[in-house]
Amino acid sequence: MVQAVNGKPISDTEFNTLAMLVFSHQYQKNKPYQNFCNAIGTTPEQVSYWHEIPALPTDAFKADALPLITFPKEDVQKTFLTSGTTTETKGKHHFASTDLYDQSIINAWHELKLPEPANAIFLIPHPEHSPHSSLSHMMGVIAQHITQGSSWATDDSGSLNLEKIINAIKDNQPVALFGTALSYLHLFDLIDSPLQLAPGSWAMETGGYKGTRHQLSKSELYQRFETKLGLPSDCIVNEYSMTELSSQFYSRGLDQAHQGPSWTRTRVIDPLTNTDAKPGELGHLIIYDLANLHSVMAVSTQDLATQDLASQDQTNLEVSAPCFNLIGRDPTALPRGCSRSSDETLSR
């Protein structure tokens, strides 16, 4: 499995073979997942293609008494928590090691040909200050392995420091900003006069607004990027991920499909029939992530999406480019997400 994440892009044939092995491993070693599969009557002997592997709802990661791991509890070295208030039950993703997780971040970046910034500015708490945040951990990996230089524009409590941001961009060199959608809104509120970023600068944003006081369309948010930072929409990368996964998906600009690395696959299903939604029709997003080797590979989200009509048919065993059009959080789902946590921190 490490080879799938470390090596060259894998085809659907290779993905299917590895997915069968991972499903068998997780069914045998992950007792809660085994119970789930037995309850719906699907075992490894009955599955021949990755589409048929049962996807576990993200809410299952909230069960403290039933950790979703394929290794002994005493070997847990790292736990990422989903965002939320202190009174909410948070989802937990446990790791005996983050080596595979980190390699997934690094190699997806290269495989998807994302820009490698010389100077990065993070509007996100440093991993030392937010050790249970998968987003902070990801940014730490990017700072260490992707960027040539970086600075963290937050203090110990996670509040933005405008002076640090201004100092980081004043040498008129291209910069890359990394933050949640809500951290950018807080930054825009702090800016009286537009900041002039050097040509070649760009930004990565992630997260939405569900469960916060903010309601802003992506086009409105991206317009503020242009007004406040001089960044047009094609200079903005959206990152989609969640605590329960080990891989990320990316899109650039407005109305563009998200693409993931070749060790992932996606489905969009009709939540009423639990079958694949028709091309272009809205449904719930399911993600298959081989980097989730030691928890659960198949995760059912409550995010709404359509299968990208421009992408090739994923049932063709030679295709290896998962793409989907992300619509947003199902309005009937519980609030969650890194932007929500960011808003609570920055609004103190």
Protein backbone atom coordinates (compact mmCIF):
# COMPACT_ATOMS: atom_id res chain seq x y z
CA MET A 1 0.00 0.00 0.00
CA VAL A 2 2.86 2.35 0.70
CA GLN A 3 4.02 1.72 -2.87
CA ALA A 4 0.62 2.85 -4.22
CA VAL A 5 0.99 6.19 -2.45
CA ASN A 6 4.72 6.58 -3.09
CA GLY A 7 4.99 5.38 -6.66
CA LYS A 8 3.70 6.47 -10.07
CA PRO A 9 -0.05 7.08 -10.60
CA ILE A 10 -1.99 3.82 -10.46
CA SER A 11 -4.65 2.65 -12.90
CA ASP A 12 -8.14 1.46 -12.01
CA THR A 13 -6.99 -2.13 -12.46
CA GLU A 14 -4.25 -1.63 -9.88
CA PHE A 15 -6.57 0.34 -7.62
CA ASN A 16 -9.18 -2.40 -7.73
CA THR A 17 -6.65 -5.08 -6.79
CA LEU A 18 -5.33 -3.04 -3.88
CA ALA A 19 -8.83 -2.06 -2.73
CA MET A 20 -9.80 -5.73 -2.48
CA LEU A 21 -6.74 -6.43 -0.34
CA VAL A 22 -7.41 -3.44 1.92
CA PHE A 23 -11.08 -4.36 2.33
CA SER A 24 -10.16 -7.90 3.34
CA HIS A 25 -7.55 -6.59 5.80
CA GLN A 26 -9.91 -4.07 7.37
CA TYR A 27 -12.77 -6.55 7.57
CA GLN A 28 -10.53 -8.97 9.48
CA LYS A 29 -8.77 -6.49 11.77
CA ASN A 30 -11.32 -3.70 12.33
CA LYS A 31 -14.07 -5.29 14.42
CA PRO A 32 -16.58 -2.39 14.34
CA TYR A 33 -16.26 -2.19 10.55
CA GLN A 34 -16.67 -5.97 10.32
CA ASN A 35 -19.87 -5.73 12.34
CA PHE A 36 -21.14 -3.01 10.00
CA CYS A 37 -20.38 -5.09 6.91
CA ASN A 38 -22.05 -8.16 8.42
CA ALA A 39 -25.12 -6.13 9.31
CA ILE A 40 -25.63 -5.11 5.68
CA GLY A 41 -24.68 -8.55 4.40
CA THR A 42 -21.48 -7.70 2.52
CA THR A 43 -18.26 -9.63 3.15
CA PRO A 44 -14.99 -9.75 1.16
CA GLU A 45 -16.08 -13.03 -0.47
CA GLN A 46 -19.07 -11.24 -2.00
CA VAL A 47 -17.12 -8.28 -3.43
CA SER A 48 -15.18 -8.22 -6.70
CA TYR A 49 -15.02 -4.52 -7.50
CA TRP A 50 -14.26 -1.46 -5.35
CA HIS A 51 -17.72 0.03 -6.03
CA GLU A 52 -19.19 -2.77 -3.94
CA ILE A 53 -17.08 -2.18 -0.80
CA PRO A 54 -19.33 -0.90 2.02
CA ALA A 55 -18.78 2.76 2.87
CA LEU A 56 -18.92 3.67 6.55
CA PRO A 57 -20.72 6.93 7.51
CA THR A 58 -18.49 9.58 9.07
CA ASP A 59 -20.62 9.53 12.24
CA ALA A 60 -19.16 6.10 13.02
CA PHE A 61 -15.85 7.81 13.84
CA LYS A 62 -17.54 9.35 16.90
CA ALA A 63 -17.96 6.05 18.76
CA ASP A 64 -15.33 6.19 21.53
CA ALA A 65 -15.97 2.63 22.65
CA LEU A 66 -15.49 1.29 19.11
CA PRO A 67 -12.33 2.85 17.66
CA LEU A 68 -11.98 2.29 13.92
CA ILE A 69 -8.46 0.87 13.86
CA THR A 70 -6.75 -2.25 12.52
CA PHE A 71 -4.04 -2.21 15.20
CA PRO A 72 -4.03 -2.52 19.02
CA LYS A 73 -5.38 0.49 20.96
CA GLU A 74 -2.14 0.82 22.89
CA ASP A 75 -0.29 1.54 19.63
CA VAL A 76 -2.18 4.77 18.95
CA GLN A 77 0.39 7.55 18.56
CA LYS A 78 -1.70 10.31 16.96
CA THR A 79 -5.39 11.21 17.00
CA PHE A 80 -7.06 13.84 14.86
CA LEU A 81 -10.38 15.25 16.03
CA THR A 82 -13.20 16.70 13.98
CA SER A 83 -14.07 20.33 14.68
CA GLY A 84 -17.00 21.42 16.81
CA THR A 85 -17.96 22.91 20.14
CA THR A 86 -16.68 21.54 23.44
CA THR A 87 -20.09 19.96 24.15
CA GLU A 88 -20.27 18.03 20.88
CA THR A 89 -19.12 14.47 20.35
CA LYS A 90 -16.18 14.71 17.99
CA GLY A 91 -15.07 12.20 15.42
CA LYS A 92 -11.65 10.61 15.99
CA HIS A 93 -9.17 9.30 13.44
CA HIS A 94 -6.39 7.31 15.11
CA PHE A 95 -2.91 6.55 13.76
CA ALA A 96 -0.09 4.30 14.93
CA SER A 97 2.11 6.42 12.64
CA THR A 98 1.46 9.36 10.33
CA ASP A 99 4.12 8.28 7.82
CA LEU A 100 1.63 7.07 5.20
CA TYR A 101 -0.63 10.05 5.90
CA ASP A 102 2.26 12.46 5.35
CA GLN A 103 3.36 10.71 2.17
CA SER A 104 -0.18 10.99 0.84
CA ILE A 105 -0.07 14.78 1.31
CA ILE A 106 3.35 15.18 -0.31
CA ASN A 107 2.89 12.83 -3.26
CA ALA A 108 -0.63 14.03 -4.09
CA TRP A 109 0.81 17.53 -4.32
CA HIS A 110 3.34 16.37 -6.89
CA GLU A 111 1.01 14.02 -8.77
CA LEU A 112 -1.64 16.73 -9.20
CA LYS A 113 1.04 19.26 -10.18
CA LEU A 114 0.12 21.85 -7.57
CA PRO A 115 2.41 24.90 -7.34
CA GLU A 116 5.36 24.70 -4.96
CA PRO A 117 5.62 28.09 -3.25
CA ALA A 118 8.92 29.72 -2.39
CA ASN A 119 7.25 31.68 0.43
CA ALA A 120 4.14 30.42 2.25
CA ILE A 121 2.03 32.27 4.83
CA PHE A 122 -0.25 30.13 6.98
CA LEU A 123 -3.43 31.66 8.42
CA ILE A 124 -3.95 28.49 10.43
CA PRO A 125 -2.74 27.51 13.92
CA HIS A 126 0.70 25.91 14.02
CA PRO A 127 0.61 22.11 14.61
CA GLU A 128 2.26 22.64 18.00
CA HIS A 129 -0.69 24.79 19.07
CA SER A 130 -3.35 22.53 17.53
CA PRO A 131 -2.01 18.97 17.79
CA HIS A 132 -5.38 17.30 17.13
CA SER A 133 -6.15 19.25 13.96
CA SER A 134 -5.60 17.31 10.76
CA LEU A 135 -5.57 20.61 8.85
CA SER A 136 -2.80 22.08 11.01
CA HIS A 137 -0.87 18.84 10.63
CA MET A 138 -1.27 19.01 6.85
CA MET A 139 -0.02 22.58 6.78
CA GLY A 140 2.97 21.52 8.85
CA VAL A 141 3.80 18.81 6.31
CA ILE A 142 3.49 21.34 3.48
CA ALA A 143 5.72 23.80 5.34
CA GLN A 144 8.37 21.13 5.89
CA HIS A 145 8.32 19.30 2.56
CA ILE A 146 6.69 21.50 -0.11
CA THR A 147 7.56 25.15 0.52
CA GLN A 148 11.01 26.70 0.45
CA GLY A 149 10.15 29.14 3.24
CA SER A 150 7.14 29.71 5.48
CA SER A 151 5.70 31.83 8.27
CA TRP A 152 2.70 31.36 10.56
CA ALA A 153 0.50 34.45 10.84
CA THR A 154 -1.35 33.30 13.94
CA ASP A 155 -0.59 33.58 17.63
CA ASP A 156 -0.82 30.82 20.24
CA SER A 157 -4.62 31.19 20.45
CA GLY A 158 -5.05 31.02 16.68
CA SER A 159 -5.84 34.72 16.19
CA LEU A 160 -4.53 36.39 13.03
CA ASN A 161 -1.58 38.77 13.25
CA LEU A 162 -1.90 41.29 10.40
CA GLU A 163 1.56 42.72 11.05
CA LYS A 164 3.16 39.31 10.42
CA ILE A 165 1.26 39.01 7.15
CA ILE A 166 2.31 42.48 5.98
CA ASN A 167 5.94 41.83 6.94
CA ALA A 168 5.89 38.55 5.01
CA ILE A 169 4.74 40.18 1.77
CA LYS A 170 6.55 43.52 1.88
CA ASP A 171 9.66 42.28 0.01
CA ASN A 172 7.52 42.10 -3.16
CA GLN A 173 8.21 38.40 -3.76
CA PRO A 174 5.44 35.95 -4.78
CA VAL A 175 3.70 34.41 -1.78
CA ALA A 176 1.19 31.62 -1.22
CA LEU A 177 -1.48 32.08 1.45
CA PHE A 178 -3.03 29.04 3.16
CA GLY A 179 -6.19 29.37 5.23
CA THR A 180 -9.81 28.43 5.81
CA ALA A 181 -12.56 30.40 4.11
CA LEU A 182 -13.42 32.00 7.44
CA SER A 183 -9.83 32.88 8.29
CA TYR A 184 -9.73 34.82 5.02
CA LEU A 185 -12.93 36.64 5.93
CA HIS A 186 -11.33 37.66 9.22
CA LEU A 187 -8.23 38.78 7.32
CA PHE A 188 -10.33 40.83 4.90
CA ASP A 189 -12.04 42.51 7.87
CA LEU A 190 -8.61 43.52 9.21
CA ILE A 191 -7.46 45.03 5.93
CA ASP A 192 -8.31 48.73 5.54
CA SER A 193 -6.47 49.22 2.26
CA PRO A 194 -5.98 46.39 -0.26
CA LEU A 195 -2.69 44.51 0.06
CA GLN A 196 -0.57 44.43 -3.07
CA LEU A 197 0.70 40.89 -3.56
CA ALA A 198 3.54 40.33 -6.00
CA PRO A 199 2.78 38.76 -9.40
CA GLY A 200 2.83 34.98 -9.16
CA SER A 201 1.12 34.97 -5.75
CA TRP A 202 -1.79 32.62 -5.07
CA ALA A 203 -3.97 31.34 -2.24
CA MET A 204 -5.37 28.04 -0.99
CA GLU A 205 -8.68 28.06 0.86
CA THR A 206 -10.63 25.28 2.49
CA GLY A 207 -13.81 24.78 4.47
CA GLY A 208 -17.28 26.34 4.34
CA TYR A 209 -19.67 28.20 6.62
CA LYS A 210 -22.12 25.59 7.92
CA GLY A 211 -22.89 26.18 11.59
CA THR A 212 -21.45 29.74 11.63
CA ARG A 213 -22.96 33.20 11.35
CA HIS A 214 -21.53 33.64 7.85
CA GLN A 215 -23.33 32.92 4.58
CA LEU A 216 -21.26 33.77 1.53
CA SER A 217 -21.20 32.20 -1.91
CA LYS A 218 -17.88 31.08 -3.36
CA SER A 219 -18.11 33.72 -6.08
CA GLU A 220 -18.59 36.41 -3.40
CA LEU A 221 -15.64 35.07 -1.41
CA TYR A 222 -13.42 34.97 -4.48
CA GLN A 223 -14.45 38.50 -5.38
CA ARG A 224 -13.10 39.61 -2.00
CA PHE A 225 -9.82 37.85 -2.77
CA GLU A 226 -9.55 40.04 -5.84
CA THR A 227 -10.66 43.23 -4.06
CA LYS A 228 -8.51 42.82 -0.94
CA LEU A 229 -5.49 40.91 -2.27
CA GLY A 230 -5.58 41.44 -6.03
CA LEU A 231 -5.91 37.67 -6.63
CA PRO A 232 -8.24 36.62 -9.49
CA SER A 233 -10.22 33.40 -9.11
CA ASP A 234 -7.79 31.36 -11.21
CA CYS A 235 -5.11 32.11 -8.58
CA ILE A 236 -7.16 30.43 -5.84
CA VAL A 237 -7.00 26.70 -5.07
CA ASN A 238 -9.74 25.04 -3.03
CA GLU A 239 -8.72 22.07 -0.89
CA TYR A 240 -11.37 19.51 0.10
CA SER A 241 -10.66 17.00 2.82
CA MET A 242 -11.93 15.78 6.17
CA THR A 243 -10.52 14.41 9.40
CA GLU A 244 -11.76 10.91 8.56
CA LEU A 245 -9.65 10.74 5.38
CA SER A 246 -5.90 10.64 4.71
CA SER A 247 -5.97 12.20 1.23
CA GLN A 248 -7.10 15.53 -0.18
CA PHE A 249 -8.83 16.80 -3.32
CA TYR A 250 -8.18 20.09 -5.11
CA SER A 251 -9.77 22.48 -7.62
CA ARG A 252 -8.60 25.81 -9.04
CA GLY A 253 -10.89 28.79 -9.64
CA LEU A 254 -14.67 28.89 -9.81
CA ASP A 255 -16.95 26.10 -11.06
CA GLN A 256 -14.13 23.60 -11.53
CA ALA A 257 -14.15 19.93 -10.58
CA HIS A 258 -12.14 18.60 -7.66
CA GLN A 259 -9.51 16.04 -8.48
CA GLY A 260 -7.80 13.60 -6.15
CA PRO A 261 -4.68 11.44 -6.36
CA SER A 262 -4.78 8.10 -8.14
CA TRP A 263 -4.97 6.09 -4.89
CA THR A 264 -8.46 7.52 -4.31
CA ARG A 265 -11.79 6.95 -6.05
CA THR A 266 -15.19 8.61 -5.63
CA ARG A 267 -18.85 7.83 -6.11
CA VAL A 268 -21.92 10.05 -5.96
CA ILE A 269 -24.96 8.14 -4.70
CA ASP A 270 -28.66 8.80 -4.41
CA PRO A 271 -29.17 8.82 -0.61
CA LEU A 272 -32.69 7.38 -0.99
CA THR A 273 -31.73 4.35 -3.07
CA ASN A 274 -28.03 4.03 -2.13
CA THR A 275 -27.27 3.53 -5.82
CA ASP A 276 -25.11 5.65 -8.12
CA ALA A 277 -26.73 8.94 -9.01
CA LYS A 278 -27.21 9.58 -12.70
CA PRO A 279 -24.50 11.68 -14.38
CA GLY A 280 -24.97 15.32 -13.40
CA GLU A 281 -27.53 14.53 -10.68
CA LEU A 282 -27.00 15.60 -7.07
CA GLY A 283 -26.09 13.00 -4.48
CA HIS A 284 -23.95 12.21 -1.43
CA LEU A 285 -20.21 11.88 -1.99
CA ILE A 286 -18.48 8.59 -1.11
CA ILE A 287 -14.69 8.47 -1.05
CA TYR A 288 -12.40 5.44 -1.27
CA ASP A 289 -8.93 6.27 0.06
CA LEU A 290 -6.18 3.63 0.05
CA ALA A 291 -4.12 5.85 2.38
CA ASN A 292 -6.75 5.10 5.04
CA LEU A 293 -5.08 1.71 5.36
CA HIS A 294 -5.28 1.45 9.15
CA SER A 295 -8.86 2.69 9.68
CA VAL A 296 -11.59 2.48 7.00
CA MET A 297 -10.90 2.93 3.30
CA ALA A 298 -14.50 3.62 2.19
CA VAL A 299 -16.10 6.68 3.84
CA SER A 300 -19.60 7.99 3.19
CA THR A 301 -19.84 11.77 3.59
CA GLN A 302 -22.86 14.03 3.92
CA ASP A 303 -21.48 16.41 1.34
CA LEU A 304 -23.45 16.99 -1.84
CA ALA A 305 -21.77 16.58 -5.22
CA THR A 306 -22.27 15.56 -8.81
CA GLN A 307 -19.97 13.28 -10.76
CA ASP A 308 -17.92 15.40 -13.12
CA LEU A 309 -19.42 15.00 -16.57
CA ALA A 310 -16.12 15.92 -18.22
CA SER A 311 -14.24 13.08 -16.50
CA GLN A 312 -14.10 9.63 -18.01
CA ASP A 313 -16.29 6.76 -16.89
CA GLN A 314 -14.81 5.37 -13.66
CA THR A 315 -15.96 1.84 -14.53
CA ASN A 316 -13.33 1.79 -17.27
CA LEU A 317 -10.48 -0.14 -15.67
CA GLU A 318 -7.79 1.98 -17.34
CA VAL A 319 -8.93 5.32 -15.90
CA SER A 320 -7.28 6.75 -12.77
CA ALA A 321 -8.49 10.34 -12.25
CA PRO A 322 -11.30 10.73 -9.68
CA CYS A 323 -13.21 13.98 -10.28
CA PHE A 324 -16.40 15.42 -8.79
CA ASN A 325 -18.20 18.73 -8.61
CA LEU A 326 -18.60 19.72 -4.98
CA ILE A 327 -21.88 21.48 -4.19
CA GLY A 328 -21.62 21.78 -0.41
CA ARG A 329 -22.80 20.35 2.87
CA ASP A 330 -26.17 18.61 2.93
CA PRO A 331 -28.38 21.20 4.73
CA THR A 332 -29.95 18.44 6.83
CA ALA A 333 -26.53 17.31 8.16
CA LEU A 334 -25.00 18.41 11.44
CA PRO A 335 -22.56 21.37 11.24
CA ARG A 336 -18.89 20.43 11.08
CA GLY A 337 -15.64 21.48 9.47
CA CYS A 338 -12.37 23.32 9.93
CA SER A 339 -13.83 26.69 8.98
CA ARG A 340 -16.31 26.41 11.82
CA SER A 341 -13.49 25.83 14.30
CA SER A 342 -11.57 28.71 12.76
CA ASP A 343 -14.52 31.05 13.15
CA GLU A 344 -14.94 30.16 16.83
CA THR A 345 -11.24 30.78 17.49
CA LEU A 346 -10.95 34.01 15.53
CA SER A 347 -14.18 35.45 16.94
CA ARG A 348 -13.10 35.25 20.59
